[in-house]
N, C-alpha and C. Protein backbone atom coordinates (compact mmCIF):
# COMPACT_ATOMS: atom_id res chain seq x y z
N UNK A 1 -22.34 -12.43 26.66
CA UNK A 1 -22.81 -11.59 25.57
C UNK A 1 -22.07 -10.25 25.53
N UNK A 2 -21.86 -9.64 26.72
CA UNK A 2 -21.20 -8.36 26.76
C UNK A 2 -19.76 -8.45 26.25
N UNK A 3 -19.09 -9.55 26.56
CA UNK A 3 -17.71 -9.72 26.09
C UNK A 3 -17.66 -9.83 24.57
N UNK A 4 -18.66 -10.49 23.97
CA UNK A 4 -18.70 -10.60 22.52
C UNK A 4 -19.00 -9.25 21.88
N UNK A 5 -19.84 -8.44 22.54
CA UNK A 5 -20.11 -7.10 22.04
C UNK A 5 -18.84 -6.25 22.05
N UNK A 6 -18.10 -6.33 23.15
CA UNK A 6 -16.86 -5.57 23.25
C UNK A 6 -15.83 -6.01 22.23
N UNK A 7 -15.74 -7.34 22.02
CA UNK A 7 -14.78 -7.86 21.05
C UNK A 7 -15.14 -7.40 19.63
N UNK A 8 -16.40 -7.50 19.27
CA UNK A 8 -16.83 -7.05 17.96
C UNK A 8 -16.64 -5.57 17.78
N UNK A 9 -16.93 -4.80 18.82
CA UNK A 9 -16.78 -3.35 18.75
C UNK A 9 -15.31 -2.97 18.60
N UNK A 10 -14.44 -3.65 19.32
CA UNK A 10 -13.01 -3.37 19.21
C UNK A 10 -12.50 -3.65 17.80
N UNK A 11 -12.93 -4.76 17.22
CA UNK A 11 -12.54 -5.09 15.86
C UNK A 11 -13.06 -4.05 14.87
N UNK A 12 -14.31 -3.61 15.07
CA UNK A 12 -14.92 -2.67 14.14
C UNK A 12 -14.28 -1.30 14.20
N UNK A 13 -13.97 -0.82 15.41
CA UNK A 13 -13.47 0.53 15.58
C UNK A 13 -11.96 0.64 15.44
N UNK A 14 -11.23 -0.35 15.94
CA UNK A 14 -9.77 -0.28 15.97
C UNK A 14 -9.12 -1.08 14.84
N UNK A 15 -9.75 -2.19 14.46
CA UNK A 15 -9.15 -3.05 13.44
C UNK A 15 -8.81 -2.35 12.15
N UNK A 16 -9.72 -1.57 11.55
CA UNK A 16 -9.39 -0.87 10.30
C UNK A 16 -8.21 0.09 10.46
N UNK A 17 -8.07 0.69 11.65
CA UNK A 17 -6.94 1.58 11.88
C UNK A 17 -5.61 0.85 11.85
N UNK A 18 -5.59 -0.34 12.44
CA UNK A 18 -4.37 -1.16 12.41
C UNK A 18 -4.03 -1.54 10.97
N UNK A 19 -5.05 -1.93 10.21
CA UNK A 19 -4.82 -2.28 8.80
C UNK A 19 -4.34 -1.05 8.03
N UNK A 20 -4.90 0.13 8.33
CA UNK A 20 -4.49 1.35 7.64
C UNK A 20 -3.03 1.69 7.94
N UNK A 21 -2.60 1.51 9.18
CA UNK A 21 -1.21 1.76 9.54
C UNK A 21 -0.28 0.81 8.80
N UNK A 22 -0.68 -0.46 8.70
CA UNK A 22 0.12 -1.43 7.96
C UNK A 22 0.17 -1.07 6.48
N UNK A 23 -0.96 -0.66 5.92
CA UNK A 23 -1.00 -0.26 4.51
C UNK A 23 -0.12 0.95 4.26
N UNK A 24 -0.12 1.90 5.21
CA UNK A 24 0.72 3.09 5.07
C UNK A 24 2.20 2.72 5.11
N UNK A 25 2.55 1.79 5.98
CA UNK A 25 3.95 1.33 6.06
C UNK A 25 4.37 0.65 4.76
N UNK A 26 3.48 -0.18 4.23
CA UNK A 26 3.79 -0.88 2.98
C UNK A 26 3.92 0.12 1.84
N UNK A 27 3.04 1.15 1.81
CA UNK A 27 3.10 2.15 0.75
C UNK A 27 4.42 2.91 0.77
N UNK A 28 4.98 3.10 1.97
CA UNK A 28 6.24 3.82 2.10
C UNK A 28 7.45 2.95 1.76
N UNK A 29 7.27 1.63 1.84
CA UNK A 29 8.43 0.74 1.67
C UNK A 29 8.44 -0.01 0.35
N UNK A 30 7.28 -0.07 -0.34
CA UNK A 30 7.24 -0.81 -1.59
C UNK A 30 6.15 -0.27 -2.48
N UNK A 31 6.32 -0.45 -3.77
CA UNK A 31 5.29 -0.05 -4.74
C UNK A 31 4.60 -1.27 -5.35
N UNK A 32 4.93 -2.44 -4.87
CA UNK A 32 4.37 -3.67 -5.40
C UNK A 32 2.89 -3.80 -5.10
N UNK A 33 2.19 -4.52 -5.97
CA UNK A 33 0.75 -4.68 -5.82
C UNK A 33 0.40 -5.74 -4.78
N UNK A 34 1.14 -6.83 -4.73
CA UNK A 34 0.78 -7.94 -3.85
C UNK A 34 0.79 -7.57 -2.37
N UNK A 35 1.80 -6.84 -1.88
CA UNK A 35 1.74 -6.45 -0.45
C UNK A 35 0.53 -5.59 -0.13
N UNK A 36 0.16 -4.70 -1.06
CA UNK A 36 -1.02 -3.86 -0.83
C UNK A 36 -2.30 -4.70 -0.88
N UNK A 37 -2.31 -5.67 -1.79
CA UNK A 37 -3.46 -6.56 -1.87
C UNK A 37 -3.62 -7.36 -0.58
N UNK A 38 -2.51 -7.64 0.08
CA UNK A 38 -2.55 -8.37 1.35
C UNK A 38 -3.29 -7.56 2.41
N UNK A 39 -3.03 -6.25 2.48
CA UNK A 39 -3.73 -5.43 3.46
C UNK A 39 -5.22 -5.31 3.12
N UNK A 40 -5.54 -5.29 1.83
CA UNK A 40 -6.95 -5.28 1.43
C UNK A 40 -7.63 -6.56 1.89
N UNK A 41 -6.95 -7.69 1.73
CA UNK A 41 -7.49 -8.97 2.17
C UNK A 41 -7.70 -8.97 3.69
N UNK A 42 -6.78 -8.34 4.42
CA UNK A 42 -6.94 -8.24 5.87
C UNK A 42 -8.19 -7.45 6.23
N UNK A 43 -8.42 -6.34 5.51
CA UNK A 43 -9.60 -5.53 5.79
C UNK A 43 -10.88 -6.30 5.49
N UNK A 44 -10.91 -6.99 4.36
CA UNK A 44 -12.10 -7.78 4.01
C UNK A 44 -12.33 -8.88 5.03
N UNK A 45 -11.26 -9.54 5.45
CA UNK A 45 -11.38 -10.60 6.45
C UNK A 45 -11.92 -10.05 7.76
N UNK A 46 -11.43 -8.88 8.15
CA UNK A 46 -11.91 -8.23 9.37
C UNK A 46 -13.41 -7.95 9.28
N UNK A 47 -13.85 -7.43 8.14
CA UNK A 47 -15.26 -7.13 7.96
C UNK A 47 -16.11 -8.39 8.03
N UNK A 48 -15.64 -9.46 7.40
CA UNK A 48 -16.38 -10.73 7.42
C UNK A 48 -16.48 -11.27 8.84
N UNK A 49 -15.41 -11.16 9.61
CA UNK A 49 -15.43 -11.64 10.99
C UNK A 49 -16.46 -10.88 11.81
N UNK A 50 -16.50 -9.55 11.65
CA UNK A 50 -17.47 -8.75 12.40
C UNK A 50 -18.90 -9.06 11.94
N UNK A 51 -19.08 -9.29 10.64
CA UNK A 51 -20.39 -9.72 10.15
C UNK A 51 -20.83 -11.02 10.82
N UNK A 52 -19.90 -11.95 10.93
CA UNK A 52 -20.20 -13.23 11.58
C UNK A 52 -20.54 -13.02 13.05
N UNK A 53 -19.80 -12.14 13.72
CA UNK A 53 -20.07 -11.87 15.13
C UNK A 53 -21.43 -11.18 15.29
N UNK A 54 -21.80 -10.34 14.32
CA UNK A 54 -23.11 -9.68 14.38
C UNK A 54 -24.23 -10.69 14.32
N UNK A 55 -24.05 -11.71 13.50
CA UNK A 55 -25.09 -12.75 13.39
C UNK A 55 -25.27 -13.48 14.71
N UNK A 56 -24.17 -13.64 15.46
CA UNK A 56 -24.24 -14.34 16.73
C UNK A 56 -24.92 -13.50 17.81
N UNK A 57 -24.98 -12.19 17.59
CA UNK A 57 -25.55 -11.30 18.61
C UNK A 57 -27.06 -11.21 18.54
N UNK A 58 -27.66 -11.70 17.48
CA UNK A 58 -29.11 -11.62 17.40
C UNK A 58 -29.60 -12.03 16.03
N UNK A 59 -30.87 -12.35 15.92
CA UNK A 59 -31.42 -12.79 14.63
C UNK A 59 -31.53 -11.64 13.64
N UNK A 60 -31.15 -11.90 12.40
CA UNK A 60 -31.35 -10.91 11.34
C UNK A 60 -30.33 -9.80 11.37
N UNK A 61 -30.34 -8.98 10.31
CA UNK A 61 -29.41 -7.88 10.19
C UNK A 61 -30.13 -6.53 10.19
N UNK A 62 -31.44 -6.52 10.47
CA UNK A 62 -32.19 -5.26 10.36
C UNK A 62 -31.65 -4.20 11.30
N UNK A 63 -31.22 -4.59 12.51
CA UNK A 63 -30.74 -3.59 13.45
C UNK A 63 -29.30 -3.17 13.14
N UNK A 64 -28.70 -3.76 12.15
CA UNK A 64 -27.37 -3.34 11.73
C UNK A 64 -27.42 -2.68 10.36
N UNK A 65 -28.56 -2.12 10.01
CA UNK A 65 -28.67 -1.35 8.77
C UNK A 65 -29.12 -2.13 7.57
N UNK A 66 -29.20 -3.46 7.66
CA UNK A 66 -29.65 -4.27 6.52
C UNK A 66 -31.15 -4.50 6.61
N UNK A 67 -31.89 -3.57 6.08
CA UNK A 67 -33.33 -3.68 6.08
C UNK A 67 -33.81 -3.81 4.65
N UNK A 68 -35.12 -3.98 4.48
CA UNK A 68 -35.66 -4.07 3.13
C UNK A 68 -35.27 -2.82 2.34
N UNK A 69 -34.87 -3.02 1.11
CA UNK A 69 -34.43 -1.90 0.28
C UNK A 69 -35.57 -0.91 0.12
N UNK A 70 -35.33 0.34 0.49
CA UNK A 70 -36.35 1.37 0.38
C UNK A 70 -36.29 2.01 -0.99
N UNK A 71 -37.39 2.62 -1.39
CA UNK A 71 -37.45 3.18 -2.74
C UNK A 71 -36.42 4.28 -2.95
N UNK A 72 -36.06 4.96 -1.87
CA UNK A 72 -35.14 6.10 -2.00
C UNK A 72 -33.68 5.75 -1.70
N UNK A 73 -33.40 4.50 -1.36
CA UNK A 73 -32.03 4.14 -0.95
C UNK A 73 -31.01 4.43 -2.04
N UNK A 74 -31.24 3.90 -3.24
CA UNK A 74 -30.29 4.11 -4.33
C UNK A 74 -30.35 5.55 -4.86
N UNK A 75 -31.56 6.10 -5.18
CA UNK A 75 -31.61 7.51 -5.61
C UNK A 75 -31.04 8.46 -4.56
N UNK A 76 -31.31 8.18 -3.29
CA UNK A 76 -30.77 9.02 -2.23
C UNK A 76 -29.25 8.95 -2.17
N UNK A 77 -28.72 7.75 -2.38
CA UNK A 77 -27.27 7.59 -2.41
C UNK A 77 -26.64 8.34 -3.57
N UNK A 78 -27.31 8.31 -4.73
CA UNK A 78 -26.84 9.05 -5.90
C UNK A 78 -26.84 10.55 -5.63
N UNK A 79 -27.92 11.04 -5.03
CA UNK A 79 -28.02 12.47 -4.73
C UNK A 79 -26.97 12.90 -3.71
N UNK A 80 -26.76 12.07 -2.70
CA UNK A 80 -25.76 12.39 -1.69
C UNK A 80 -24.35 12.40 -2.29
N UNK A 81 -24.08 11.44 -3.17
CA UNK A 81 -22.78 11.41 -3.86
C UNK A 81 -22.59 12.66 -4.69
N UNK A 82 -23.63 13.08 -5.41
CA UNK A 82 -23.54 14.30 -6.23
C UNK A 82 -23.23 15.51 -5.36
N UNK A 83 -23.84 15.57 -4.18
CA UNK A 83 -23.57 16.67 -3.26
C UNK A 83 -22.10 16.70 -2.85
N UNK A 84 -21.56 15.55 -2.50
CA UNK A 84 -20.17 15.50 -2.05
C UNK A 84 -19.19 15.76 -3.21
N UNK A 85 -19.53 15.28 -4.39
CA UNK A 85 -18.62 15.44 -5.53
C UNK A 85 -18.60 16.87 -6.04
N UNK A 86 -19.77 17.48 -6.18
CA UNK A 86 -19.86 18.77 -6.87
C UNK A 86 -20.00 19.98 -5.95
N UNK A 87 -20.37 19.75 -4.69
CA UNK A 87 -20.56 20.88 -3.78
C UNK A 87 -19.59 20.81 -2.60
N UNK A 88 -19.72 19.75 -1.81
CA UNK A 88 -18.89 19.67 -0.61
C UNK A 88 -17.41 19.51 -0.94
N UNK A 89 -17.07 18.64 -1.90
CA UNK A 89 -15.67 18.40 -2.24
C UNK A 89 -14.92 19.66 -2.62
N UNK A 90 -15.41 20.43 -3.61
CA UNK A 90 -14.72 21.67 -3.98
C UNK A 90 -14.66 22.68 -2.82
N UNK A 91 -15.72 22.77 -2.02
CA UNK A 91 -15.72 23.70 -0.90
C UNK A 91 -14.69 23.29 0.15
N UNK A 92 -14.60 21.99 0.43
CA UNK A 92 -13.62 21.50 1.40
C UNK A 92 -12.20 21.73 0.91
N UNK A 93 -11.96 21.50 -0.38
CA UNK A 93 -10.63 21.73 -0.94
C UNK A 93 -10.25 23.20 -0.82
N UNK A 94 -11.18 24.10 -1.14
CA UNK A 94 -10.91 25.53 -1.05
C UNK A 94 -10.63 25.94 0.40
N UNK A 95 -11.36 25.34 1.34
CA UNK A 95 -11.16 25.66 2.75
C UNK A 95 -9.78 25.22 3.22
N UNK A 96 -9.34 24.04 2.80
CA UNK A 96 -8.02 23.55 3.19
C UNK A 96 -6.92 24.45 2.63
N UNK A 97 -7.10 24.89 1.39
CA UNK A 97 -6.13 25.81 0.78
C UNK A 97 -6.08 27.12 1.55
N UNK A 98 -7.26 27.66 1.89
CA UNK A 98 -7.33 28.93 2.61
C UNK A 98 -6.68 28.83 3.99
N UNK A 99 -6.78 27.66 4.61
CA UNK A 99 -6.19 27.46 5.93
C UNK A 99 -4.71 27.09 5.86
N UNK A 100 -4.20 26.92 4.65
CA UNK A 100 -2.80 26.56 4.47
C UNK A 100 -2.48 25.14 4.86
N UNK A 101 -3.49 24.26 4.78
CA UNK A 101 -3.30 22.86 5.14
C UNK A 101 -3.09 22.02 3.89
N UNK A 102 -2.35 20.94 4.06
CA UNK A 102 -2.14 20.02 2.94
C UNK A 102 -3.46 19.36 2.58
N UNK A 103 -3.69 19.20 1.29
CA UNK A 103 -4.91 18.57 0.81
C UNK A 103 -4.75 17.08 0.71
N UNK A 104 -5.47 16.51 -0.25
CA UNK A 104 -5.52 15.06 -0.42
C UNK A 104 -4.38 14.52 -1.29
N UNK A 105 -3.48 15.40 -1.76
CA UNK A 105 -2.47 14.97 -2.71
C UNK A 105 -1.52 13.92 -2.13
N UNK A 106 -1.22 14.04 -0.83
CA UNK A 106 -0.33 13.06 -0.21
C UNK A 106 -0.91 11.65 -0.32
N UNK A 107 -2.20 11.55 -0.07
CA UNK A 107 -2.85 10.25 -0.20
C UNK A 107 -2.88 9.77 -1.63
N UNK A 108 -3.16 10.70 -2.56
CA UNK A 108 -3.17 10.33 -3.98
C UNK A 108 -1.79 9.85 -4.42
N UNK A 109 -0.75 10.50 -3.93
CA UNK A 109 0.62 10.11 -4.31
C UNK A 109 0.92 8.68 -3.89
N UNK A 110 0.39 8.28 -2.74
CA UNK A 110 0.65 6.92 -2.26
C UNK A 110 -0.07 5.87 -3.11
N UNK A 111 -1.07 6.31 -3.87
CA UNK A 111 -1.81 5.39 -4.74
C UNK A 111 -1.30 5.40 -6.17
N UNK A 112 -0.35 6.29 -6.44
CA UNK A 112 0.16 6.42 -7.81
C UNK A 112 0.78 5.12 -8.28
N UNK A 113 0.52 4.78 -9.53
CA UNK A 113 1.11 3.59 -10.12
C UNK A 113 0.27 2.34 -9.95
N UNK A 114 -0.74 2.40 -9.10
CA UNK A 114 -1.61 1.23 -8.94
C UNK A 114 -2.58 1.15 -10.10
N UNK A 115 -2.86 -0.04 -10.61
CA UNK A 115 -3.78 -0.17 -11.76
C UNK A 115 -5.19 0.27 -11.41
N UNK A 116 -5.88 0.81 -12.41
CA UNK A 116 -7.23 1.32 -12.19
C UNK A 116 -8.17 0.24 -11.69
N UNK A 117 -8.09 -0.95 -12.26
CA UNK A 117 -8.98 -2.03 -11.85
C UNK A 117 -8.82 -2.35 -10.37
N UNK A 118 -7.58 -2.26 -9.87
CA UNK A 118 -7.34 -2.54 -8.46
C UNK A 118 -7.92 -1.44 -7.58
N UNK A 119 -7.76 -0.18 -7.99
CA UNK A 119 -8.32 0.93 -7.23
C UNK A 119 -9.84 0.83 -7.16
N UNK A 120 -10.48 0.41 -8.25
CA UNK A 120 -11.94 0.24 -8.25
C UNK A 120 -12.34 -0.80 -7.22
N UNK A 121 -11.63 -1.91 -7.20
CA UNK A 121 -11.93 -2.97 -6.23
C UNK A 121 -11.73 -2.47 -4.81
N UNK A 122 -10.63 -1.74 -4.58
CA UNK A 122 -10.35 -1.19 -3.25
C UNK A 122 -11.47 -0.27 -2.79
N UNK A 123 -11.88 0.65 -3.67
CA UNK A 123 -12.93 1.60 -3.31
C UNK A 123 -14.22 0.87 -2.95
N UNK A 124 -14.64 -0.06 -3.78
CA UNK A 124 -15.91 -0.76 -3.53
C UNK A 124 -15.87 -1.53 -2.22
N UNK A 125 -14.78 -2.27 -1.98
CA UNK A 125 -14.70 -3.09 -0.78
C UNK A 125 -14.49 -2.25 0.48
N UNK A 126 -13.58 -1.28 0.42
CA UNK A 126 -13.26 -0.51 1.62
C UNK A 126 -14.39 0.46 1.97
N UNK A 127 -14.93 1.17 0.99
CA UNK A 127 -16.02 2.11 1.28
C UNK A 127 -17.23 1.37 1.84
N UNK A 128 -17.57 0.23 1.24
CA UNK A 128 -18.71 -0.56 1.74
C UNK A 128 -18.43 -1.07 3.15
N UNK A 129 -17.23 -1.60 3.35
CA UNK A 129 -16.87 -2.14 4.66
C UNK A 129 -16.84 -1.07 5.74
N UNK A 130 -16.29 0.10 5.41
CA UNK A 130 -16.24 1.18 6.39
C UNK A 130 -17.63 1.62 6.81
N UNK A 131 -18.53 1.75 5.85
CA UNK A 131 -19.88 2.17 6.20
C UNK A 131 -20.55 1.18 7.13
N UNK A 132 -20.40 -0.11 6.83
CA UNK A 132 -21.05 -1.08 7.69
C UNK A 132 -20.40 -1.14 9.07
N UNK A 133 -19.07 -1.13 9.11
CA UNK A 133 -18.36 -1.24 10.38
C UNK A 133 -18.61 -0.04 11.28
N UNK A 134 -18.41 1.17 10.71
CA UNK A 134 -18.46 2.37 11.54
C UNK A 134 -19.86 2.94 11.71
N UNK A 135 -20.67 2.88 10.67
CA UNK A 135 -21.99 3.47 10.76
C UNK A 135 -23.01 2.47 11.31
N UNK A 136 -23.09 1.29 10.74
CA UNK A 136 -24.12 0.35 11.15
C UNK A 136 -23.72 -0.43 12.41
N UNK A 137 -22.72 -1.26 12.30
CA UNK A 137 -22.39 -2.15 13.42
C UNK A 137 -21.97 -1.37 14.67
N UNK A 138 -21.02 -0.44 14.51
CA UNK A 138 -20.50 0.27 15.69
C UNK A 138 -21.58 1.10 16.36
N UNK A 139 -22.35 1.85 15.57
CA UNK A 139 -23.37 2.70 16.16
C UNK A 139 -24.44 1.87 16.86
N UNK A 140 -24.92 0.82 16.19
CA UNK A 140 -25.96 -0.01 16.80
C UNK A 140 -25.45 -0.68 18.08
N UNK A 141 -24.22 -1.16 18.04
CA UNK A 141 -23.67 -1.84 19.22
C UNK A 141 -23.43 -0.86 20.36
N UNK A 142 -22.85 0.30 20.05
CA UNK A 142 -22.61 1.31 21.08
C UNK A 142 -23.91 1.83 21.67
N UNK A 143 -24.91 1.99 20.82
CA UNK A 143 -26.21 2.45 21.33
C UNK A 143 -26.83 1.42 22.26
N UNK A 144 -26.66 0.16 21.92
CA UNK A 144 -27.17 -0.91 22.78
C UNK A 144 -26.46 -0.90 24.13
N UNK A 145 -25.16 -0.59 24.12
CA UNK A 145 -24.38 -0.63 25.35
C UNK A 145 -24.58 0.61 26.21
N UNK A 146 -24.76 1.78 25.57
CA UNK A 146 -24.83 3.04 26.32
C UNK A 146 -26.25 3.59 26.44
N UNK A 147 -27.12 3.21 25.51
CA UNK A 147 -28.47 3.75 25.51
C UNK A 147 -28.55 5.17 24.99
N UNK A 148 -27.46 5.67 24.39
CA UNK A 148 -27.41 7.06 23.91
C UNK A 148 -26.99 7.07 22.44
N UNK A 149 -27.91 7.32 21.53
CA UNK A 149 -27.57 7.34 20.11
C UNK A 149 -26.51 8.37 19.77
N UNK A 150 -26.60 9.57 20.38
CA UNK A 150 -25.64 10.63 20.04
C UNK A 150 -24.23 10.25 20.47
N UNK A 151 -24.10 9.57 21.61
CA UNK A 151 -22.78 9.14 22.08
C UNK A 151 -22.23 8.05 21.17
N UNK A 152 -23.09 7.14 20.76
CA UNK A 152 -22.67 6.09 19.82
C UNK A 152 -22.17 6.70 18.52
N UNK A 153 -22.90 7.69 18.02
CA UNK A 153 -22.48 8.36 16.79
C UNK A 153 -21.18 9.10 16.96
N UNK A 154 -20.99 9.76 18.08
CA UNK A 154 -19.77 10.53 18.33
C UNK A 154 -18.54 9.63 18.42
N UNK A 155 -18.66 8.52 19.13
CA UNK A 155 -17.53 7.59 19.24
C UNK A 155 -17.19 7.01 17.87
N UNK A 156 -18.21 6.60 17.14
CA UNK A 156 -17.99 6.05 15.81
C UNK A 156 -17.34 7.06 14.89
N UNK A 157 -17.82 8.31 14.91
CA UNK A 157 -17.26 9.36 14.06
C UNK A 157 -15.80 9.63 14.40
N UNK A 158 -15.47 9.64 15.68
CA UNK A 158 -14.08 9.87 16.10
C UNK A 158 -13.16 8.78 15.57
N UNK A 159 -13.58 7.53 15.73
CA UNK A 159 -12.76 6.41 15.24
C UNK A 159 -12.65 6.45 13.72
N UNK A 160 -13.75 6.78 13.04
CA UNK A 160 -13.75 6.86 11.58
C UNK A 160 -12.78 7.92 11.08
N UNK A 161 -12.72 9.05 11.76
CA UNK A 161 -11.80 10.12 11.38
C UNK A 161 -10.35 9.70 11.60
N UNK A 162 -10.07 9.11 12.75
CA UNK A 162 -8.70 8.73 13.08
C UNK A 162 -8.14 7.69 12.11
N UNK A 163 -9.00 6.79 11.62
CA UNK A 163 -8.52 5.73 10.75
C UNK A 163 -8.04 6.27 9.41
N UNK A 164 -8.46 7.48 9.05
CA UNK A 164 -8.05 8.07 7.77
C UNK A 164 -6.77 8.89 7.88
N UNK A 165 -6.27 9.09 9.08
CA UNK A 165 -5.06 9.89 9.25
C UNK A 165 -3.82 9.30 8.58
N UNK A 166 -3.58 7.98 8.70
CA UNK A 166 -2.34 7.45 8.11
C UNK A 166 -2.21 7.70 6.62
N UNK A 167 -3.30 7.56 5.86
CA UNK A 167 -3.21 7.73 4.41
C UNK A 167 -3.34 9.18 3.98
N UNK A 168 -4.29 9.93 4.58
CA UNK A 168 -4.62 11.25 4.06
C UNK A 168 -4.00 12.40 4.83
N UNK A 169 -3.67 12.22 6.10
CA UNK A 169 -3.06 13.29 6.87
C UNK A 169 -4.08 14.15 7.61
N UNK A 170 -3.60 15.10 8.45
CA UNK A 170 -4.48 15.88 9.31
C UNK A 170 -5.38 16.86 8.57
N UNK A 171 -4.91 17.44 7.46
CA UNK A 171 -5.74 18.38 6.72
C UNK A 171 -7.03 17.75 6.22
N UNK A 172 -6.92 16.71 5.40
CA UNK A 172 -8.13 16.02 4.94
C UNK A 172 -8.97 15.45 6.08
N UNK A 173 -8.32 15.11 7.21
CA UNK A 173 -9.08 14.58 8.34
C UNK A 173 -10.13 15.58 8.83
N UNK A 174 -9.81 16.88 8.73
CA UNK A 174 -10.79 17.90 9.10
C UNK A 174 -12.00 17.83 8.19
N UNK A 175 -11.75 17.61 6.91
CA UNK A 175 -12.85 17.46 5.95
C UNK A 175 -13.64 16.20 6.22
N UNK A 176 -12.94 15.14 6.60
CA UNK A 176 -13.59 13.86 6.84
C UNK A 176 -14.47 13.92 8.09
N UNK A 177 -14.09 14.76 9.07
CA UNK A 177 -14.95 14.92 10.25
C UNK A 177 -16.33 15.41 9.83
N UNK A 178 -16.34 16.41 8.94
CA UNK A 178 -17.62 17.00 8.52
C UNK A 178 -18.42 16.01 7.68
N UNK A 179 -17.76 15.42 6.66
CA UNK A 179 -18.48 14.46 5.82
C UNK A 179 -18.93 13.25 6.63
N UNK A 180 -18.06 12.79 7.54
CA UNK A 180 -18.43 11.67 8.39
C UNK A 180 -19.59 12.00 9.30
N UNK A 181 -19.65 13.24 9.77
CA UNK A 181 -20.76 13.66 10.63
C UNK A 181 -22.07 13.64 9.85
N UNK A 182 -22.01 14.04 8.58
CA UNK A 182 -23.22 13.99 7.75
C UNK A 182 -23.69 12.55 7.59
N UNK A 183 -22.76 11.65 7.29
CA UNK A 183 -23.11 10.24 7.13
C UNK A 183 -23.65 9.67 8.44
N UNK A 184 -23.00 10.03 9.55
CA UNK A 184 -23.43 9.52 10.85
C UNK A 184 -24.84 10.01 11.18
N UNK A 185 -25.09 11.30 10.95
CA UNK A 185 -26.41 11.85 11.20
C UNK A 185 -27.48 11.19 10.36
N UNK A 186 -27.15 10.93 9.09
CA UNK A 186 -28.11 10.26 8.21
C UNK A 186 -28.41 8.84 8.68
N UNK A 187 -27.37 8.16 9.17
CA UNK A 187 -27.62 6.80 9.65
C UNK A 187 -28.50 6.83 10.90
N UNK A 188 -28.21 7.73 11.83
CA UNK A 188 -29.03 7.81 13.04
C UNK A 188 -30.47 8.17 12.71
N UNK A 189 -30.67 8.92 11.64
CA UNK A 189 -32.01 9.35 11.25
C UNK A 189 -32.78 8.24 10.52
N UNK A 190 -32.12 7.62 9.52
CA UNK A 190 -32.84 6.68 8.66
C UNK A 190 -32.46 5.22 8.88
N UNK A 191 -31.30 4.93 9.48
CA UNK A 191 -30.82 3.56 9.68
C UNK A 191 -30.77 2.80 8.35
N UNK A 192 -30.37 3.47 7.31
CA UNK A 192 -30.35 2.88 5.96
C UNK A 192 -28.91 2.83 5.47
N UNK A 193 -28.26 1.69 5.63
CA UNK A 193 -26.85 1.57 5.25
C UNK A 193 -26.68 1.46 3.75
N UNK A 194 -27.71 1.00 3.04
CA UNK A 194 -27.63 0.90 1.58
C UNK A 194 -27.43 2.27 0.96
N UNK A 195 -28.16 3.27 1.45
CA UNK A 195 -28.02 4.64 0.97
C UNK A 195 -26.60 5.14 1.17
N UNK A 196 -26.05 4.91 2.36
CA UNK A 196 -24.72 5.42 2.68
C UNK A 196 -23.62 4.69 1.91
N UNK A 197 -23.76 3.39 1.75
CA UNK A 197 -22.77 2.64 0.97
C UNK A 197 -22.76 3.13 -0.47
N UNK A 198 -23.94 3.34 -1.05
CA UNK A 198 -24.03 3.84 -2.42
C UNK A 198 -23.31 5.18 -2.56
N UNK A 199 -23.60 6.09 -1.64
CA UNK A 199 -22.99 7.42 -1.70
C UNK A 199 -21.48 7.37 -1.50
N UNK A 200 -21.03 6.58 -0.54
CA UNK A 200 -19.60 6.49 -0.23
C UNK A 200 -18.82 5.89 -1.39
N UNK A 201 -19.34 4.81 -1.95
CA UNK A 201 -18.66 4.15 -3.07
C UNK A 201 -18.57 5.08 -4.27
N UNK A 202 -19.67 5.72 -4.64
CA UNK A 202 -19.67 6.58 -5.82
C UNK A 202 -18.77 7.80 -5.62
N UNK A 203 -18.80 8.39 -4.42
CA UNK A 203 -17.95 9.55 -4.15
C UNK A 203 -16.48 9.19 -4.25
N UNK A 204 -16.10 8.06 -3.67
CA UNK A 204 -14.69 7.66 -3.71
C UNK A 204 -14.27 7.21 -5.11
N UNK A 205 -15.18 6.58 -5.83
CA UNK A 205 -14.84 6.20 -7.21
C UNK A 205 -14.53 7.44 -8.04
N UNK A 206 -15.32 8.49 -7.85
CA UNK A 206 -15.06 9.73 -8.58
C UNK A 206 -13.74 10.36 -8.12
N UNK A 207 -13.58 10.51 -6.80
CA UNK A 207 -12.42 11.21 -6.27
C UNK A 207 -11.10 10.47 -6.44
N UNK A 208 -11.12 9.16 -6.29
CA UNK A 208 -9.88 8.39 -6.33
C UNK A 208 -9.57 7.81 -7.69
N UNK A 209 -10.61 7.50 -8.47
CA UNK A 209 -10.40 6.82 -9.75
C UNK A 209 -10.67 7.75 -10.93
N UNK A 210 -11.90 8.21 -11.07
CA UNK A 210 -12.31 8.94 -12.27
C UNK A 210 -11.61 10.30 -12.41
N UNK A 211 -11.49 11.04 -11.30
CA UNK A 211 -10.90 12.37 -11.39
C UNK A 211 -9.41 12.35 -11.69
N UNK A 212 -8.80 11.19 -11.54
CA UNK A 212 -7.36 11.07 -11.78
C UNK A 212 -7.06 10.25 -13.03
N UNK A 213 -8.10 9.87 -13.76
CA UNK A 213 -7.89 9.04 -14.96
C UNK A 213 -7.27 9.86 -16.08
């Protein structure tokens, strides 16, 4: 059982980073859609494999964030997205400018030329997958192994931040540490992955798709 936990944890924490590095290499070497779609397929496949491994670790998905939908899950996700879009996002951008750090433009440039419909699909699949892998599965598994929720959250947050370095760079990574810490704290408090997926998807749809339309 412990070996399966370690294998699932390694896939959840390290796998997306490997896919991100491959996607960054492809973005630098080609502008074609199919190679990028291949990396998206790899990420989805990785998520499905970890989902399958989670089922083998115990009955049900409640301990991995899939619980009965709460009345506040969707409204809470909407409110959290509004906070990140209209309050945290502008404040983080201003802070990066004040510190003389590169913003998110490098990442946006790598997405230039991709069709809107494809970006929408990427945001929905990747944001949902990241929340489940890093917030639900990784935290629950690490907590089971260490017995320390705060340590589980810290390890997950560190891996989540590092995986964004290839596309966005070190400046935005500082912003992602803070936003990721908020998401991590909310998961440790409520264990509601539906709320976090809703917020993550809507925030990224606005930042990556709508704001650049």
